[in-house]
Amino acid sequence: MRRVLTFVLLGLGVFGIATGLLLRFYAYPALAKIPHSPDTTAVAQGSGITALVYVEKDGGPTQPEIRRNLSLTSTTYVSGDLRAPEVQADGGVTAWVETTRIREDKDRRTLSASVRELCLDRFTAEAVAPCTTQYLQKEKPENGKDTKIPGTRGQVQFPGLNFKFPFQTEKRTYPWYDSGVGKPVDAEFDGEEELQGLSVYRFKQSVPPTDVDGRDVPGSLVGKPEPTVSVRLYYQAEKTLWVEPDTGALIKVRQSVKQELRTSDQNAGQGTAVFDGTLELNKKTVDANVRVAEDNKSKLWLLTGLPVILWIAGGVLLAVSIVLLLAGRRRTA
């Protein structure tokens, strides 16, 4: 009977360790992937904002006007493109489409709108190429027309992380894509905290004043007597991202942006602010993000936490069986 028990414990120990290894190193990489068909809406809001708006005057064409103390709402909807050539049911690449619109709360006037599509690595969440369907489309509020910028199939149009962080996010710096400068900017680990009982990592991203574009504007817009003035657009931003580390999901985002038009004789802070304010995901969006992250985190635990328990239990059973086996041999001797 003792001999039977010894081999049963030995078998259970080996089974536990082997099962843990399979879950962590085979099932986890195969199953921990971002979905092909996301269906999420995120709403960010802010008040006391300065922004450039285009308004109709006397039935004529729209004219730019700087307004202050505005309340704005930014709505972002993310979906998947199952028809993209790179998307396969069990593949490691997916294609997501992001639609964003920023509106003034008072009169529902659209300040900016854009649509973009990109391909993502389903485990690391980084943008990848080749990507046949990637593009950026912006609506021009001054005339209501769209401009579409198609990407090059073999070149990543929006490099870095865009929608989420990797599974098992680490306490380090990650490249997060910033649309204002059109490239990834370091998002540095800044600490841990809790949001509604959920443990999250906090990352901060800083973009210094950067020359991003040149344009001609009415002189009156920038305080000049000339009918038209050539200016440069400078962009700067401070962004804070709260991330659930097991899933890499964004729980909360706060972004402060300043855009300034400068003439050739102006330095930083001397130009005309055409956007200056902060937008933050509202409570309803954060609540929804917390619920989804908790649900997905519990599912991932079967692939990350359970293997550790199986390794410990299997190791204990294996040790006990070896002790019993050696004790049996000494008794026989």
Protein backbone atom coordinates (compact mmCIF):
# COMPACT_ATOMS: atom_id res chain seq x y z
CA MET A 1 0.00 0.00 0.00
CA ARG A 2 2.87 2.37 0.91
CA ARG A 3 4.52 1.65 -2.44
CA VAL A 4 1.27 2.40 -4.34
CA LEU A 5 0.82 5.69 -2.44
CA THR A 6 4.40 6.68 -3.23
CA PHE A 7 3.95 6.26 -6.97
CA VAL A 8 0.53 7.96 -6.93
CA LEU A 9 2.08 11.01 -5.24
CA LEU A 10 5.00 10.89 -7.67
CA GLY A 11 2.63 10.83 -10.64
CA LEU A 12 0.52 13.66 -9.28
CA GLY A 13 3.64 15.75 -8.64
CA VAL A 14 4.94 15.26 -12.17
CA PHE A 15 1.45 15.95 -13.58
CA GLY A 16 1.11 19.20 -11.61
CA ILE A 17 4.51 20.52 -12.71
CA ALA A 18 3.96 19.49 -16.34
CA THR A 19 0.46 21.02 -16.44
CA GLY A 20 1.78 24.27 -14.97
CA LEU A 21 4.50 24.41 -17.62
CA LEU A 22 1.98 23.79 -20.40
CA LEU A 23 -0.41 26.50 -19.14
CA ARG A 24 2.28 29.13 -18.69
CA PHE A 25 4.56 28.52 -21.65
CA TYR A 26 2.21 27.02 -24.24
CA ALA A 27 -1.39 28.03 -23.48
CA TYR A 28 -0.55 31.55 -22.27
CA PRO A 29 1.26 32.71 -25.46
CA ALA A 30 -1.45 31.07 -27.56
CA LEU A 31 -4.45 32.53 -25.71
CA ALA A 32 -3.28 35.87 -24.26
CA LYS A 33 -3.95 37.91 -27.38
CA ILE A 34 -5.87 41.11 -28.05
CA PRO A 35 -9.17 40.43 -29.85
CA HIS A 36 -9.87 40.87 -33.55
CA SER A 37 -13.19 42.60 -32.88
CA PRO A 38 -12.98 45.22 -30.12
CA ASP A 39 -16.12 47.24 -29.53
CA THR A 40 -15.23 50.01 -27.10
CA THR A 41 -16.17 53.64 -26.62
CA ALA A 42 -14.11 56.04 -24.50
CA VAL A 43 -15.27 59.52 -23.52
CA ALA A 44 -12.90 62.21 -22.27
CA GLN A 45 -14.05 65.60 -21.02
CA GLY A 46 -12.53 68.90 -19.96
CA SER A 47 -13.50 72.48 -19.14
CA GLY A 48 -11.86 75.91 -19.10
CA ILE A 49 -10.24 75.12 -22.45
CA THR A 50 -8.97 77.56 -25.06
CA ALA A 51 -9.51 76.33 -28.62
CA LEU A 52 -9.65 77.44 -32.23
CA VAL A 53 -13.09 77.08 -33.78
CA TYR A 54 -14.44 77.87 -37.24
CA VAL A 55 -17.69 79.82 -37.31
CA GLU A 56 -19.94 81.10 -40.07
CA LYS A 57 -20.35 84.87 -40.21
CA ASP A 58 -23.11 86.58 -42.16
CA GLY A 59 -23.75 83.45 -44.21
CA GLY A 60 -20.24 83.53 -45.69
CA PRO A 61 -17.40 81.01 -45.43
CA THR A 62 -16.27 79.88 -42.00
CA GLN A 63 -13.71 82.02 -40.22
CA PRO A 64 -11.23 80.97 -37.51
CA GLU A 65 -11.92 82.31 -34.05
CA ILE A 66 -10.23 81.65 -30.74
CA ARG A 67 -12.65 80.93 -27.90
CA ARG A 68 -11.85 80.54 -24.24
CA ASN A 69 -13.37 78.76 -21.24
CA LEU A 70 -14.91 76.03 -23.40
CA SER A 71 -16.18 72.66 -22.22
CA LEU A 72 -15.20 69.89 -24.65
CA THR A 73 -16.00 66.22 -25.07
CA SER A 74 -13.80 63.79 -26.99
CA THR A 75 -15.43 60.50 -28.04
CA THR A 76 -13.31 57.64 -29.36
CA TYR A 77 -14.76 54.43 -30.80
CA VAL A 78 -12.51 51.42 -31.56
CA SER A 79 -13.54 48.49 -33.75
CA GLY A 80 -11.83 45.76 -35.77
CA ASP A 81 -11.35 45.26 -39.50
CA LEU A 82 -11.83 41.55 -40.13
CA ARG A 83 -11.43 42.06 -43.88
CA ALA A 84 -7.82 43.27 -43.61
CA PRO A 85 -5.49 40.82 -45.44
CA GLU A 86 -3.21 40.49 -42.43
CA VAL A 87 -6.03 39.33 -40.13
CA GLN A 88 -6.29 35.56 -39.66
CA ALA A 89 -8.49 33.82 -37.08
CA ASP A 90 -5.60 32.34 -35.07
CA GLY A 91 -2.92 34.71 -36.36
CA GLY A 92 -0.69 37.00 -34.36
CA VAL A 93 -1.72 40.23 -36.12
CA THR A 94 -4.99 42.16 -36.03
CA ALA A 95 -6.28 45.44 -37.52
CA TRP A 96 -8.10 48.05 -35.46
CA VAL A 97 -9.99 51.17 -36.56
CA GLU A 98 -10.18 54.24 -34.31
CA THR A 99 -12.70 57.04 -34.82
CA THR A 100 -12.31 60.21 -32.72
CA ARG A 101 -14.40 63.38 -32.58
CA ILE A 102 -13.90 66.41 -30.32
CA ARG A 103 -16.94 68.65 -29.84
CA GLU A 104 -17.83 71.77 -27.94
CA ASP A 105 -20.47 70.90 -25.36
CA LYS A 106 -22.50 74.09 -25.65
CA ASP A 107 -23.40 74.12 -29.35
CA ARG A 108 -22.11 70.63 -30.36
CA ARG A 109 -19.72 72.20 -32.86
CA THR A 110 -17.03 69.78 -34.07
CA LEU A 111 -13.51 71.05 -33.43
CA SER A 112 -11.69 68.08 -34.93
CA ALA A 113 -12.41 64.56 -36.18
CA SER A 114 -10.24 61.73 -37.44
CA VAL A 115 -10.28 58.07 -38.41
CA ARG A 116 -7.26 55.81 -38.56
CA GLU A 117 -6.53 52.13 -39.07
CA LEU A 118 -3.42 50.19 -38.12
CA CYS A 119 -2.17 46.65 -37.63
CA LEU A 120 -1.15 45.43 -34.18
CA ASP A 121 0.85 42.56 -32.76
CA ARG A 122 -1.80 40.69 -30.75
CA PHE A 123 0.53 39.99 -27.82
CA THR A 124 2.83 43.03 -27.54
CA ALA A 125 0.12 45.49 -28.78
CA GLU A 126 2.73 47.35 -30.85
CA ALA A 127 1.92 48.58 -34.34
CA VAL A 128 3.43 46.35 -37.03
CA ALA A 129 3.96 46.10 -40.77
CA PRO A 130 3.26 44.92 -43.40
CA CYS A 131 -0.18 46.47 -43.04
CA THR A 132 -2.20 46.86 -46.22
CA THR A 133 -5.10 48.86 -44.77
CA GLN A 134 -3.38 51.44 -42.53
CA TYR A 135 -4.34 55.08 -43.10
CA LEU A 136 -5.15 58.38 -41.40
CA GLN A 137 -8.16 60.49 -42.37
CA LYS A 138 -8.82 63.94 -40.88
CA GLU A 139 -11.79 66.25 -41.23
CA LYS A 140 -10.92 69.89 -41.83
CA PRO A 141 -13.33 72.00 -39.76
CA GLU A 142 -12.67 75.08 -41.90
CA ASN A 143 -14.32 73.54 -44.96
CA GLY A 144 -15.78 70.22 -43.78
CA LYS A 145 -13.65 68.25 -46.24
CA ASP A 146 -11.63 65.15 -45.41
CA THR A 147 -7.97 64.51 -46.12
CA LYS A 148 -6.85 60.89 -46.27
CA ILE A 149 -3.22 59.91 -45.80
CA PRO A 150 -2.69 56.28 -46.81
CA GLY A 151 0.19 54.39 -45.25
CA THR A 152 2.93 52.45 -46.99
CA ARG A 153 2.26 48.70 -46.66
CA GLY A 154 5.78 47.79 -45.56
CA GLN A 155 6.27 50.72 -43.17
CA VAL A 156 4.54 51.25 -39.81
CA GLN A 157 2.47 54.43 -40.01
CA PHE A 158 1.85 54.75 -36.25
CA PRO A 159 4.90 53.12 -34.58
CA GLY A 160 4.95 52.13 -30.92
CA LEU A 161 2.06 51.33 -28.57
CA ASN A 162 -1.30 52.89 -29.45
CA PHE A 163 -4.28 51.38 -27.65
CA LYS A 164 -2.90 49.39 -24.75
CA PHE A 165 0.26 48.17 -23.07
CA PRO A 166 1.59 44.59 -23.38
CA PHE A 167 0.28 41.76 -21.26
CA GLN A 168 2.34 41.55 -18.06
CA THR A 169 3.31 45.22 -18.25
CA GLU A 170 6.63 45.92 -16.52
CA LYS A 171 7.83 48.88 -14.45
CA ARG A 172 9.87 50.42 -17.26
CA THR A 173 9.68 52.88 -20.13
CA TYR A 174 7.53 52.09 -23.19
CA PRO A 175 7.23 53.86 -26.58
CA TRP A 176 3.71 55.34 -26.75
CA TYR A 177 2.60 56.87 -30.06
CA ASP A 178 1.72 60.56 -29.87
CA SER A 179 -0.46 61.85 -32.70
CA GLY A 180 0.63 65.45 -32.12
CA VAL A 181 4.23 64.81 -33.19
CA GLY A 182 3.47 61.73 -35.29
CA LYS A 183 5.95 59.43 -33.56
CA PRO A 184 6.37 57.39 -30.36
CA VAL A 185 7.40 59.25 -27.21
CA ASP A 186 8.71 57.58 -24.05
CA ALA A 187 6.05 56.78 -21.45
CA GLU A 188 8.00 56.39 -18.21
CA PHE A 189 6.89 54.33 -15.22
CA ASP A 190 5.85 56.76 -12.46
CA GLY A 191 4.50 54.59 -9.65
CA GLU A 192 1.66 52.38 -8.48
CA GLU A 193 -1.77 53.23 -7.11
CA GLU A 194 -5.31 51.91 -6.85
CA LEU A 195 -8.34 52.91 -8.90
CA GLN A 196 -11.59 51.64 -7.41
CA GLY A 197 -9.71 48.82 -5.72
CA LEU A 198 -7.84 47.84 -8.88
CA SER A 199 -4.03 47.94 -8.71
CA VAL A 200 -2.59 49.91 -11.62
CA TYR A 201 0.74 51.23 -12.88
CA ARG A 202 1.03 54.93 -13.65
CA PHE A 203 3.04 56.10 -16.67
CA LYS A 204 3.86 59.66 -17.68
CA GLN A 205 4.71 61.00 -21.12
CA SER A 206 6.07 64.48 -21.82
CA VAL A 207 6.39 66.18 -25.20
CA PRO A 208 8.37 69.45 -25.11
CA PRO A 209 7.34 72.35 -27.39
CA THR A 210 7.88 70.96 -30.89
CA ASP A 211 7.55 72.58 -34.32
CA VAL A 212 5.10 70.31 -36.15
CA ASP A 213 3.64 72.34 -39.04
CA GLY A 214 3.67 75.56 -41.01
CA ARG A 215 0.66 77.43 -42.41
CA ASP A 216 -0.73 80.77 -43.53
CA VAL A 217 -3.41 82.33 -41.29
CA PRO A 218 -5.31 85.62 -41.18
CA GLY A 219 -3.17 88.28 -39.52
CA SER A 220 -6.01 89.19 -37.19
CA LEU A 221 -5.85 85.71 -35.67
CA VAL A 222 -2.33 86.27 -34.37
CA GLY A 223 -2.57 90.01 -33.70
CA LYS A 224 -0.89 91.19 -36.90
CA PRO A 225 -2.13 93.92 -39.29
CA GLU A 226 -1.28 91.98 -42.47
CA PRO A 227 -4.12 90.10 -44.23
CA THR A 228 -2.14 86.86 -44.21
CA VAL A 229 0.76 85.79 -42.01
CA SER A 230 3.01 82.73 -42.20
CA VAL A 231 3.28 80.98 -38.85
CA ARG A 232 4.63 77.78 -37.32
CA LEU A 233 2.52 75.51 -35.13
CA TYR A 234 4.19 74.34 -31.92
CA TYR A 235 2.79 71.41 -29.97
CA GLN A 236 3.49 70.29 -26.40
CA ALA A 237 1.77 67.74 -24.18
CA GLU A 238 1.78 66.07 -20.80
CA LYS A 239 0.00 62.71 -20.63
CA THR A 240 -0.66 60.37 -17.70
CA LEU A 241 -1.77 56.79 -18.34
CA TRP A 242 -3.06 54.37 -15.71
CA VAL A 243 -2.52 50.74 -16.80
CA GLU A 244 -3.70 47.43 -15.34
CA PRO A 245 -0.41 45.47 -15.58
CA ASP A 246 -1.67 41.89 -16.07
CA THR A 247 -3.81 42.74 -19.09
CA GLY A 248 -2.05 45.93 -20.20
CA ALA A 249 -5.42 47.67 -20.46
CA LEU A 250 -5.73 51.43 -20.19
CA ILE A 251 -7.95 52.28 -17.23
CA LYS A 252 -7.65 56.05 -17.13
CA VAL A 253 -5.99 58.71 -19.30
CA ARG A 254 -5.37 62.40 -18.68
CA GLN A 255 -3.84 64.60 -21.38
CA SER A 256 -2.87 68.28 -21.21
CA VAL A 257 -2.11 69.83 -24.61
CA LYS A 258 -0.98 73.25 -25.74
CA GLN A 259 -0.76 74.31 -29.39
CA GLU A 260 0.72 77.69 -30.20
CA LEU A 261 1.02 79.64 -33.44
CA ARG A 262 4.26 81.61 -33.62
CA THR A 263 5.46 84.13 -36.15
CA SER A 264 9.14 84.28 -37.07
CA ASP A 265 9.83 86.95 -34.43
CA GLN A 266 8.14 85.13 -31.53
CA ASN A 267 9.61 82.79 -28.92
CA ALA A 268 7.99 80.19 -26.68
CA GLY A 269 4.99 81.64 -24.85
CA GLN A 270 4.82 84.72 -27.06
CA GLY A 271 2.62 83.18 -29.74
CA THR A 272 -1.13 82.66 -29.99
CA ALA A 273 -2.58 79.62 -28.22
CA VAL A 274 -5.01 77.79 -30.51
CA PHE A 275 -5.52 74.98 -28.00
CA ASP A 276 -4.73 74.95 -24.31
CA GLY A 277 -6.47 72.57 -21.95
CA THR A 278 -6.82 69.16 -20.34
CA LEU A 279 -9.05 66.23 -21.27
CA GLU A 280 -9.56 63.21 -19.00
CA LEU A 281 -11.57 60.01 -19.35
CA ASN A 282 -14.85 60.48 -17.48
CA LYS A 283 -16.05 58.35 -14.57
CA LYS A 284 -18.41 56.23 -16.68
CA THR A 285 -15.58 55.22 -19.00
CA VAL A 286 -13.17 54.52 -16.13
CA ASP A 287 -15.83 52.41 -14.34
CA ALA A 288 -16.35 50.35 -17.50
CA ASN A 289 -12.59 49.93 -17.97
CA VAL A 290 -12.21 48.70 -14.39
CA ARG A 291 -14.97 46.10 -14.81
CA VAL A 292 -13.55 44.75 -18.07
CA ALA A 293 -9.99 44.66 -16.69
CA GLU A 294 -11.08 42.75 -13.58
CA ASP A 295 -12.94 40.21 -15.72
CA ASN A 296 -10.01 39.70 -18.11
CA LYS A 297 -7.53 39.62 -15.23
CA SER A 298 -9.40 36.73 -13.61
CA LYS A 299 -9.32 34.82 -16.90
CA LEU A 300 -5.58 35.41 -17.30
CA TRP A 301 -5.00 34.16 -13.76
CA LEU A 302 -5.75 30.64 -14.98
CA LEU A 303 -2.73 30.99 -17.28
CA THR A 304 -0.39 32.90 -14.95
CA GLY A 305 -1.39 32.38 -11.30
CA LEU A 306 -2.65 28.79 -11.47
CA PRO A 307 0.63 27.46 -12.95
CA VAL A 308 2.54 28.79 -9.93
CA ILE A 309 0.19 26.92 -7.58
CA LEU A 310 0.56 23.77 -9.67
CA TRP A 311 4.37 24.07 -9.59
CA ILE A 312 4.39 24.47 -5.81
CA ALA A 313 1.89 21.65 -5.20
CA GLY A 314 3.63 19.42 -7.72
CA GLY A 315 7.01 20.11 -6.14
CA VAL A 316 5.69 19.29 -2.67
CA LEU A 317 4.09 16.04 -3.86
CA LEU A 318 7.25 15.14 -5.75
CA ALA A 319 9.39 15.75 -2.64
CA VAL A 320 7.06 13.70 -0.42
CA SER A 321 7.04 10.81 -2.88
CA ILE A 322 10.85 10.83 -3.08
CA VAL A 323 11.10 10.80 0.74
CA LEU A 324 8.67 7.87 0.93
CA LEU A 325 10.55 6.05 -1.82
CA LEU A 326 13.89 6.46 -0.04
CA ALA A 327 12.37 5.46 3.29
CA GLY A 328 10.95 2.34 1.69
CA ARG A 329 14.35 1.41 0.27
CA ARG A 330 16.03 1.82 3.67
CA ARG A 331 13.41 -0.42 5.29
CA THR A 332 13.94 -3.07 2.61
CA ALA A 333 17.71 -2.87 3.11
